[in-house]
Protein backbone atom coordinates (compact mmCIF):
# COMPACT_ATOMS: atom_id res chain seq x y z
CA MET A 1 112.55 50.81 0.48
CA VAL A 2 109.44 48.98 -0.77
CA ASN A 3 111.54 46.75 -3.04
CA SER A 4 113.84 45.94 -0.12
CA LEU A 5 110.92 44.90 2.11
CA LYS A 6 109.43 42.85 -0.72
CA GLN A 7 112.78 41.11 -1.23
CA LYS A 8 113.01 40.30 2.50
CA PHE A 9 109.46 38.96 2.49
CA ILE A 10 110.18 36.72 -0.53
CA THR A 11 113.35 35.48 1.16
CA VAL A 12 111.44 34.59 4.34
CA VAL A 13 108.76 32.76 2.34
CA ILE A 14 111.43 30.78 0.46
CA ILE A 15 113.13 29.81 3.74
CA VAL A 16 109.79 28.68 5.22
CA ILE A 17 109.03 26.63 2.11
CA LEU A 18 112.51 25.05 2.18
CA LYS A 19 112.14 24.21 5.88
CA SER A 20 108.74 22.64 5.19
CA CYS A 21 110.25 20.53 2.41
CA ILE A 22 113.05 19.39 4.72
CA VAL A 23 110.52 18.41 7.40
CA LEU A 24 108.47 16.48 4.86
CA SER A 25 111.56 14.72 3.53
CA MET A 26 112.73 13.81 7.02
CA ASN A 27 109.28 12.50 7.90
CA LEU A 28 109.21 10.27 4.83
CA LYS A 29 112.77 8.94 5.17
CA ASN A 30 112.25 8.03 8.83
CA ALA A 31 108.72 6.70 8.42
CA ASN A 32 107.58 3.16 9.19
CA ILE A 33 104.55 2.30 7.05
CA LEU A 34 102.05 -0.57 7.17
CA VAL A 35 100.06 -1.51 4.05
CA ILE A 36 96.94 -3.68 4.39
CA ASP A 37 95.32 -4.81 1.12
CA ASP A 38 94.09 -8.22 -0.05
CA ASP A 39 95.36 -7.58 -3.60
CA PRO A 40 98.94 -8.99 -3.89
CA ASP A 41 99.63 -6.73 -6.91
CA VAL A 42 98.80 -3.62 -4.87
CA LEU A 43 101.03 -4.78 -2.02
CA THR A 44 103.93 -5.45 -4.37
CA ALA A 45 103.52 -2.12 -6.19
CA VAL A 46 103.39 -0.08 -2.97
CA ARG A 47 106.36 -1.91 -1.47
CA MET A 48 108.45 -1.33 -4.61
CA LEU A 49 107.49 2.37 -4.60
CA LEU A 50 108.19 2.99 -0.91
CA LYS A 51 111.13 0.73 -0.07
CA THR A 52 113.69 3.36 -1.18
CA GLU A 53 111.64 6.28 0.15
CA VAL A 54 110.92 5.26 3.76
CA ASN A 55 112.61 3.53 6.67
CA GLU A 56 110.43 0.40 6.70
CA VAL A 57 107.46 -0.99 4.75
CA VAL A 58 105.41 -3.85 6.20
CA ILE A 59 102.73 -5.40 4.00
CA ASP A 60 99.92 -7.82 4.85
CA LYS A 61 96.83 -8.97 3.00
CA ASN A 62 94.83 -9.96 6.09
CA PRO A 63 93.29 -7.17 8.22
CA GLU A 64 92.87 -9.66 11.08
CA ASN A 65 96.64 -9.30 11.62
CA ILE A 66 96.42 -5.55 12.32
CA ARG A 67 96.32 -5.96 16.11
CA ASN A 68 99.37 -8.19 16.17
CA LEU A 69 101.33 -5.97 13.78
CA ILE A 70 100.53 -2.80 15.74
CA SER A 71 101.61 -4.45 19.00
CA LYS A 72 104.99 -5.44 17.52
CA HIS A 73 105.83 -2.35 15.43
CA SER A 74 105.63 1.40 15.83
CA PHE A 75 103.99 2.61 12.61
CA ASP A 76 103.82 6.24 11.55
CA LEU A 77 101.27 5.62 8.81
CA ILE A 78 98.89 2.86 7.71
CA LEU A 79 97.58 2.45 4.16
CA LEU A 80 94.29 0.58 4.59
CA ASP A 81 92.09 -0.87 1.85
CA MET A 82 88.37 -0.15 2.08
CA ASN A 83 87.21 -3.61 1.00
CA PHE A 84 88.46 -7.13 1.58
CA ASN A 85 87.35 -10.43 0.11
CA SER A 86 85.48 -11.92 3.05
CA SER A 87 82.49 -14.17 3.50
CA VAL A 88 81.25 -12.23 6.52
CA ASN A 89 82.02 -8.54 5.85
CA THR A 90 79.65 -6.56 3.65
CA GLY A 91 81.47 -3.61 2.07
CA ASN A 92 82.36 -1.33 4.97
CA GLU A 93 85.34 -3.37 6.15
CA GLY A 94 87.68 -0.40 5.88
CA LEU A 95 85.51 1.72 8.18
CA TYR A 96 85.33 -1.18 10.65
CA TRP A 97 89.11 -1.67 10.72
CA LEU A 98 89.74 2.08 10.92
CA LYS A 99 87.63 2.17 14.09
CA LYS A 100 89.55 -0.83 15.42
CA ILE A 101 92.87 0.95 14.84
CA LYS A 102 91.59 4.01 16.70
CA GLU A 103 90.33 1.83 19.57
CA LEU A 104 93.80 0.32 19.87
CA ARG A 105 95.13 3.84 20.56
CA CYS A 106 97.45 3.55 17.56
CA GLU A 107 99.16 6.91 16.84
CA ALA A 108 99.62 6.19 13.15
CA ALA A 109 97.96 8.32 10.47
CA VAL A 110 95.57 6.19 8.38
CA ILE A 111 95.10 6.69 4.63
CA MET A 112 92.22 4.75 3.08
CA ILE A 113 92.61 3.03 -0.30
CA THR A 114 89.32 3.09 -2.22
CA ALA A 115 87.73 2.58 -5.62
CA TYR A 116 85.67 5.30 -7.30
CA GLY A 117 82.43 3.59 -6.26
CA HIS A 118 83.24 3.91 -2.55
CA ILE A 119 84.32 7.55 -2.29
CA ASP A 120 81.27 8.37 -0.15
CA LEU A 121 82.38 5.70 2.31
CA ALA A 122 85.92 7.10 2.25
CA VAL A 123 84.53 10.52 3.18
CA ARG A 124 82.80 8.87 6.15
CA CYS A 125 86.21 7.49 7.12
CA LEU A 126 87.60 11.03 7.23
CA LYS A 127 84.92 11.88 9.78
CA GLU A 128 85.97 8.80 11.79
CA GLY A 129 89.59 9.96 11.97
CA ALA A 130 91.30 8.90 8.72
CA ALA A 131 93.97 11.34 7.56
CA ASP A 132 93.12 11.08 3.84
CA PHE A 133 92.15 8.66 1.08
CA VAL A 134 93.56 7.68 -2.31
CA VAL A 135 91.58 6.31 -5.25
CA LYS A 136 92.66 3.28 -7.28
CA PRO A 137 94.43 3.44 -9.66
CA TRP A 138 96.70 6.23 -8.49
CA HIS A 139 99.79 8.02 -9.81
CA ASN A 140 102.87 7.24 -7.74
CA GLU A 141 103.73 10.92 -7.32
CA GLN A 142 100.22 11.60 -6.04
CA LEU A 143 100.44 8.74 -3.51
CA LEU A 144 103.81 9.97 -2.25
CA GLU A 145 102.50 13.51 -1.82
CA THR A 146 99.46 12.23 0.07
CA ILE A 147 101.70 10.21 2.38
CA LYS A 148 104.06 13.16 2.92
CA GLU A 149 101.19 15.48 3.77
CA ALA A 150 99.68 13.00 6.24
CA LEU A 151 103.05 12.50 7.93
CA ASN A 152 103.59 16.24 8.14
CA LYS A 153 100.19 16.72 9.80
CA LEU A 154 101.02 13.91 12.22
CA SER A 155 104.36 15.55 13.04
CA ILE A 156 102.69 18.91 13.74
CA SER A 157 100.01 17.21 15.82
CA LYS A 158 102.60 15.38 17.93
CA ALA A 159 104.59 18.56 18.40
CA SER A 160 101.51 20.31 19.75
CA GLY A 161 100.81 17.40 22.06
CA SER A 162 97.35 16.73 20.64
CA THR A 163 97.91 13.05 19.85
CA LYS A 164 97.76 10.39 22.50
CA SER A 165 100.27 7.61 22.86
CA LYS A 166 99.32 4.20 24.13
CA ARG A 167 97.71 4.79 27.44
CA SER A 168 98.74 4.09 30.99
CA ALA A 169 95.51 5.62 32.38
CA ASN A 170 97.47 8.24 34.40
CA THR A 171 98.57 5.53 36.84
CA PRO A 172 102.32 4.74 36.79
CA ASP A 173 102.02 0.98 37.34
CA LEU A 174 98.96 0.49 35.10
CA LEU A 175 100.72 -0.16 31.82
CA GLY A 176 99.95 -2.22 28.75
CA ASN A 177 100.17 -2.23 24.98
CA SER A 178 98.19 -5.45 24.58
CA GLU A 179 94.76 -5.30 22.96
CA GLN A 180 93.08 -6.30 26.24
CA MET A 181 94.68 -3.45 28.19
CA GLN A 182 94.06 -0.89 25.45
CA GLU A 183 90.38 -1.85 25.55
CA ILE A 184 90.40 -1.31 29.31
CA PHE A 185 91.99 2.13 28.89
CA TYR A 186 89.33 2.91 26.27
CA LYS A 187 86.60 1.90 28.75
CA ILE A 188 88.17 4.02 31.48
CA ASP A 189 88.10 7.03 29.17
CA LYS A 190 84.42 6.45 28.45
CA ILE A 191 83.11 5.65 31.93
CA ALA A 192 85.34 7.72 34.24
CA PRO A 193 83.54 11.05 33.62
CA THR A 194 80.18 9.43 34.46
CA ASP A 195 78.83 8.37 37.85
CA ALA A 196 78.08 4.81 36.69
CA ASN A 197 78.75 2.05 39.22
CA ILE A 198 81.65 -0.15 38.10
CA LEU A 199 82.37 -3.83 38.81
CA ILE A 200 86.00 -4.86 38.17
CA LEU A 201 86.54 -8.60 37.71
CA GLY A 202 89.85 -10.46 37.61
CA GLU A 203 92.23 -12.78 39.38
CA ASN A 204 94.23 -11.70 42.41
CA GLY A 205 97.23 -9.55 41.53
CA THR A 206 95.97 -8.30 38.15
CA GLY A 207 95.75 -4.65 39.21
CA LYS A 208 92.04 -4.15 39.92
CA ASP A 209 92.84 -1.53 42.57
CA LEU A 210 94.97 0.43 40.08
CA ILE A 211 92.07 0.51 37.63
CA ALA A 212 89.70 1.72 40.34
CA ASN A 213 92.13 4.49 41.23
CA ALA A 214 92.54 5.45 37.54
CA ILE A 215 88.76 5.76 37.16
CA HIS A 216 88.62 8.07 40.18
CA GLN A 217 91.55 10.18 38.95
CA GLN A 218 89.85 10.76 35.59
CA SER A 219 86.39 11.40 37.07
CA ARG A 220 84.70 14.67 37.95
CA ARG A 221 85.20 13.64 41.60
CA SER A 222 89.00 13.49 41.34
CA THR A 223 89.49 16.36 43.81
CA LYS A 224 87.20 14.67 46.35
CA PRO A 225 87.99 11.70 48.66
CA TYR A 226 88.95 8.28 47.32
CA VAL A 227 88.21 5.69 50.01
CA LYS A 228 89.18 2.02 49.67
CA VAL A 229 87.77 -0.77 51.85
CA ASP A 230 88.68 -4.47 51.73
CA VAL A 231 85.18 -5.61 52.67
CA GLY A 232 86.11 -9.28 52.32
CA ALA A 233 88.36 -8.91 55.36
CA LEU A 234 85.66 -7.38 57.59
CA SER A 235 84.00 -9.61 60.17
CA GLU A 236 80.22 -9.55 60.66
CA THR A 237 80.62 -7.40 63.78
CA LEU A 238 82.96 -4.85 62.15
CA PHE A 239 81.16 -4.61 58.80
CA GLU A 240 78.44 -2.10 59.82
CA SER A 241 80.69 -0.03 62.07
CA GLU A 242 83.43 0.23 59.44
CA LEU A 243 81.13 1.12 56.54
CA PHE A 244 78.31 3.03 58.21
CA GLY A 245 79.92 4.37 61.42
CA HIS A 246 78.61 4.38 65.00
CA LYS A 247 77.59 6.65 67.85
CA LYS A 248 79.42 6.81 71.16
CA GLY A 249 78.13 4.08 73.49
CA ALA A 250 76.42 2.11 70.72
CA PHE A 251 78.41 -0.97 71.84
CA THR A 252 81.11 -1.82 74.38
CA ASP A 253 84.14 -0.40 72.52
CA ALA A 254 82.32 2.59 70.99
CA ARG A 255 84.11 5.26 73.06
CA GLU A 256 83.41 8.09 70.61
CA ASP A 257 81.35 8.95 67.55
CA ARG A 258 82.87 7.54 64.39
CA MET A 259 82.18 8.34 60.76
CA GLY A 260 81.89 5.29 58.47
CA ARG A 261 83.61 4.85 55.11
CA PHE A 262 80.46 5.83 53.19
CA GLU A 263 80.38 9.21 54.89
CA ALA A 264 84.15 9.62 54.51
CA ALA A 265 83.78 9.11 50.76
CA ASN A 266 80.91 11.60 50.43
CA GLU A 267 81.10 13.52 47.10
CA GLY A 268 84.01 11.25 46.13
CA THR A 269 84.58 7.59 45.23
CA LEU A 270 84.13 4.52 47.42
CA PHE A 271 86.06 1.41 46.31
CA LEU A 272 84.83 -1.85 47.85
CA ASP A 273 87.44 -4.52 47.18
CA GLU A 274 86.69 -8.28 47.33
CA ILE A 275 82.93 -7.63 47.28
CA GLY A 276 82.34 -11.25 46.27
CA ASN A 277 83.43 -12.50 49.69
CA ILE A 278 80.79 -10.83 51.87
CA SER A 279 77.90 -12.76 53.41
CA LEU A 280 74.25 -12.60 52.32
CA GLN A 281 73.42 -10.67 55.50
CA GLN A 282 76.10 -8.08 54.73
CA GLN A 283 74.85 -7.88 51.15
CA ALA A 284 71.34 -7.02 52.34
CA LYS A 285 72.64 -4.14 54.48
CA LEU A 286 74.80 -2.85 51.65
CA LEU A 287 71.93 -3.02 49.16
CA SER A 288 69.69 -0.99 51.48
CA VAL A 289 72.27 1.83 51.68
CA LEU A 290 72.84 1.87 47.93
CA GLN A 291 69.11 2.00 47.19
CA ASN A 292 68.30 4.74 49.71
CA ARG A 293 71.58 6.67 49.41
CA GLN A 294 71.48 7.08 53.17
CA VAL A 295 73.42 5.55 56.06
CA ASN A 296 72.45 5.06 59.67
CA ARG A 297 75.32 5.03 62.13
CA ILE A 298 74.97 2.23 64.66
CA GLY A 299 73.12 3.66 67.66
CA ALA A 300 71.84 6.72 65.74
CA ASN A 301 68.20 7.50 64.97
CA GLN A 302 68.82 9.92 62.15
CA SER A 303 69.90 8.99 58.61
CA VAL A 304 72.74 10.77 56.80
CA ASP A 305 72.49 11.42 53.05
CA ILE A 306 75.45 10.24 51.00
CA ASP A 307 76.65 11.09 47.49
CA ILE A 308 79.27 8.60 46.31
CA ARG A 309 80.53 7.01 43.13
CA LEU A 310 80.77 3.25 43.78
CA ILE A 311 83.45 0.96 42.36
CA CYS A 312 83.57 -2.71 43.39
CA ALA A 313 86.06 -5.47 42.63
CA THR A 314 86.22 -9.22 43.09
CA ASN A 315 88.24 -12.23 42.00
CA VAL A 316 85.05 -14.31 41.92
CA PRO A 317 83.87 -14.96 38.31
CA LEU A 318 80.59 -13.25 37.41
CA PHE A 319 78.79 -16.53 36.66
CA GLU A 320 79.61 -17.69 40.20
CA LEU A 321 78.34 -14.42 41.65
CA ALA A 322 75.06 -14.99 39.80
CA ASN A 323 74.35 -17.98 42.09
CA GLU A 324 71.54 -16.74 44.38
CA ASN A 325 72.83 -18.97 47.17
CA ARG A 326 76.05 -16.98 47.16
CA PHE A 327 75.22 -13.49 45.99
CA ARG A 328 72.02 -11.46 45.63
CA LYS A 329 71.18 -10.76 42.00
CA ASP A 330 69.57 -7.43 42.87
CA LEU A 331 72.87 -6.34 44.40
CA ILE A 332 74.78 -7.47 41.30
CA TYR A 333 72.54 -5.27 39.15
CA ARG A 334 73.05 -2.38 41.55
CA ILE A 335 76.88 -2.51 41.53
CA ASN A 336 77.35 -3.60 37.91
CA THR A 337 76.24 -0.79 35.60
CA VAL A 338 79.49 -1.37 33.70
CA GLU A 339 81.92 -4.23 34.20
CA ILE A 340 85.62 -4.36 33.43
CA MET A 341 87.29 -7.73 33.02
CA VAL A 342 91.02 -7.55 33.81
CA PRO A 343 93.01 -10.23 31.96
CA PRO A 344 95.54 -12.41 33.78
CA LEU A 345 99.15 -11.48 33.06
CA ARG A 346 99.78 -14.78 31.22
CA ASN A 347 97.33 -13.63 28.50
CA ARG A 348 98.95 -10.23 27.94
CA GLY A 349 101.95 -11.23 25.81
CA ASN A 350 104.70 -8.62 25.62
CA ASP A 351 103.10 -6.58 28.40
CA ILE A 352 105.10 -8.90 30.68
CA ILE A 353 108.36 -7.41 29.37
CA LEU A 354 106.96 -3.87 29.44
CA LEU A 355 106.05 -4.27 33.12
CA ALA A 356 109.32 -6.04 33.97
CA GLU A 357 111.32 -3.17 32.51
CA HIS A 358 109.15 -0.67 34.39
CA PHE A 359 109.64 -2.44 37.74
CA SER A 360 113.38 -2.79 37.12
CA LYS A 361 113.64 1.00 36.73
CA VAL A 362 111.55 1.60 39.85
CA TYR A 363 113.65 -0.71 42.04
CA ALA A 364 117.00 0.29 40.52
CA GLN A 365 116.15 3.83 41.59
CA LYS A 366 114.91 2.70 45.00
CA TYR A 367 118.02 0.66 45.78
CA LEU A 368 120.47 3.14 44.17
CA LYS A 369 121.59 0.80 41.41
CA PRO A 370 122.36 1.48 37.74
CA ALA A 371 119.74 0.91 35.04
CA PHE A 372 119.16 -2.74 34.19
CA GLU A 373 118.73 -4.63 30.94
CA PHE A 374 117.31 -8.13 30.41
CA ASP A 375 119.25 -10.66 28.37
CA LYS A 376 117.44 -12.90 25.86
CA LYS A 377 117.20 -15.91 28.15
CA ALA A 378 115.71 -13.77 30.92
CA ILE A 379 113.11 -12.42 28.49
CA ASP A 380 112.29 -15.96 27.31
CA LYS A 381 111.92 -17.10 30.91
CA LEU A 382 109.51 -14.27 31.67
CA LEU A 383 107.41 -14.90 28.56
CA ASN A 384 107.22 -18.66 29.15
CA TYR A 385 106.13 -18.46 32.80
CA SER A 386 102.41 -18.60 33.62
CA PHE A 387 102.46 -16.03 36.49
CA PRO A 388 99.68 -17.47 38.68
CA GLY A 389 100.32 -14.50 41.00
CA ASN A 390 99.94 -12.11 38.04
CA VAL A 391 101.45 -8.59 38.08
CA ARG A 392 102.02 -8.69 41.83
CA GLU A 393 104.18 -11.82 41.48
CA LEU A 394 106.13 -10.25 38.61
CA GLN A 395 106.74 -7.13 40.68
CA TYR A 396 108.16 -9.07 43.63
CA ALA A 397 110.30 -11.24 41.30
CA ILE A 398 111.84 -8.17 39.65
CA GLU A 399 112.45 -6.46 43.00
CA ARG A 400 114.31 -9.52 44.26
CA ALA A 401 116.32 -9.80 41.03
CA VAL A 402 117.38 -6.12 41.24
CA ILE A 403 118.49 -6.54 44.86
CA MET A 404 120.49 -9.72 44.18
CA ALA A 405 121.92 -8.88 40.72
CA ASP A 406 125.72 -8.65 40.45
CA ASP A 407 125.77 -6.48 37.31
CA SER A 408 123.48 -4.34 35.18
CA THR A 409 122.21 -7.24 33.03
CA LEU A 410 119.46 -9.36 34.53
CA GLN A 411 119.84 -12.99 33.51
CA ALA A 412 117.48 -15.96 33.69
CA LYS A 413 119.19 -17.21 36.86
CA ASP A 414 118.36 -13.91 38.58
CA LEU A 415 114.62 -14.45 38.07
CA LEU A 416 113.15 -16.65 40.79
CA PHE A 417 109.41 -17.15 41.03
CA SER A 418 107.42 -17.79 44.18
CA PRO A 419 107.11 -21.50 45.07
CA ILE A 420 103.82 -20.60 46.79
CA GLU A 421 102.33 -19.34 43.52
CA GLN A 422 103.76 -22.19 41.46
CA ALA A 423 101.72 -24.63 43.53
CA ILE A 424 98.52 -22.92 42.35
CA SER A 425 97.14 -23.87 38.94
CA PRO A 426 95.54 -21.00 36.99
CA PRO A 427 91.74 -21.38 36.85
CA THR A 428 91.47 -21.47 33.05
CA SER A 429 89.43 -24.62 32.35
CA ILE A 430 85.94 -23.16 32.95
CA GLU A 431 86.80 -19.96 31.08
CA SER A 432 88.19 -22.00 28.17
CA ASN A 433 85.04 -24.14 27.97
CA LEU A 434 82.81 -21.06 27.89
CA ASN A 435 84.93 -19.52 25.12
CA ASP A 436 84.71 -22.73 23.06
CA LEU A 437 80.93 -22.78 23.49
CA GLU A 438 80.57 -19.13 22.40
CA LYS A 439 82.82 -19.64 19.37
CA SER A 440 80.95 -22.75 18.17
CA THR A 441 77.59 -20.97 18.62
CA ILE A 442 78.75 -17.97 16.56
CA LEU A 443 80.06 -20.22 13.77
CA ARG A 444 76.81 -22.21 13.69
CA VAL A 445 74.60 -19.09 13.50
CA ILE A 446 76.75 -17.42 10.80
CA GLU A 447 76.68 -20.62 8.72
CA LYS A 448 72.90 -20.87 9.21
CA ASN A 449 72.51 -17.31 7.88
CA ASN A 450 74.88 -17.91 4.94
CA GLY A 451 77.46 -15.42 6.21
CA ASN A 452 74.97 -12.55 6.63
CA ILE A 453 76.32 -10.65 9.64
CA SER A 454 73.20 -8.53 10.13
CA LYS A 455 70.95 -11.57 10.40
CA ALA A 456 73.47 -13.50 12.51
CA SER A 457 73.96 -10.65 14.98
CA LYS A 458 70.19 -10.22 15.32
CA GLU A 459 69.71 -13.93 16.04
CA LEU A 460 72.55 -13.90 18.60
CA GLY A 461 71.15 -10.79 20.29
CA LEU A 462 74.29 -8.77 19.56
CA THR A 463 75.04 -5.57 17.70
CA ARG A 464 77.05 -5.91 14.50
CA THR A 465 80.02 -4.24 16.22
CA ALA A 466 79.84 -6.67 19.15
CA LEU A 467 79.72 -9.61 16.75
CA TYR A 468 82.69 -8.27 14.77
CA ARG A 469 84.55 -7.97 18.08
CA ARG A 470 83.91 -11.63 18.83
CA LEU A 471 84.88 -12.67 15.29
CA SER A 472 88.21 -10.96 15.89
CA LYS A 473 88.58 -12.48 19.35
CA TYR A 474 88.18 -16.03 18.05
CA ASP A 475 90.01 -15.44 14.72
CA ILE A 476 86.92 -16.42 12.73
């Protein structure tokens, strides 16, 4: 009896081991792997080792290309060198780029490649989210086993639902795989649980209201009211009544007591859209309420305490808002604890196609049509158009194309853009000049400090991380 049970136990163990081996093998054969190392010999050796073992191997010697590669490919694992030959980085480049990969919401497991002298730094990388590290020089069998184990852990993690895919911030139409949108999703994750006041900046049609809604949905106030007000559309006479409320008889048309939007949003979130368009007089009244956290209904003698989370949005650039003749600086400081800059659609690359496909599914379902595909010329037309009306213009263009399409393939001729929007030139010149000025200043200061990032960042008044971010932004 005992021998029989022992035999059954051994059999079960063998089956489990065999199943584990099959899973590992399947993971490796189907894996897409990225290798980043500035040593051409290492890249060649790893590619030769893996090309018959995995589905795809992509190699690159420049870590600056990581963002672009991640946006174009779906990698299961990244082999990342700890050190690169660079005039500006100082030995912890691997840790820096690991953090960047994590910020980009990349699902891939990351294995660090290190020399014996940097093992302590590799251990730090494990704490920052790396799956493992390998030491140069390695045995091929050891490297393969390390890769297999990392892929197996990733597979288990995905199966349990603990890994996060590229984010859509829990809002169906707020999508994006571009670096700019992933940074916004990262900010939303960080700031949503707080009560910090948020200022969302961006052109009309970029989705500022969707971001505001996403922040509320991920906040501790998500079960409480979310109240949106287009304050830019309120006249001087309606502004106080709409926001603060009024008592019956306070003015001619005040036939009953009315609660204002501040009171309606109590314990929840108040979203003030187009805040940049209100007058200086309206700004003064708004500032008073925000400072005192109390509102007075028109015609009332008693104040009402309010507890709101404030989110504001405007299409007016921040440097224009800073003009005291247009906007009070003390109000800017009050509403702008954290700012989110929403990029125009023309700067978001393949997000255009991602959104177009999303809208085509939405409207195919709405108008009871089959699923649509885009032919190559249609995709080229979308990518080459400047979209002055941003996501809103894209949405309307896709809706029209779905309605008018004769078959399930959307072609370039089906995509018609608004002649109203085409008459408007995108306001890029000022933004471009400011970017050029910032880039030239950074280059000058780095050169002055002989490539020493610590000294350069101190002189520029930036943290090292912020300076690295700008180096990446301007491809320096």
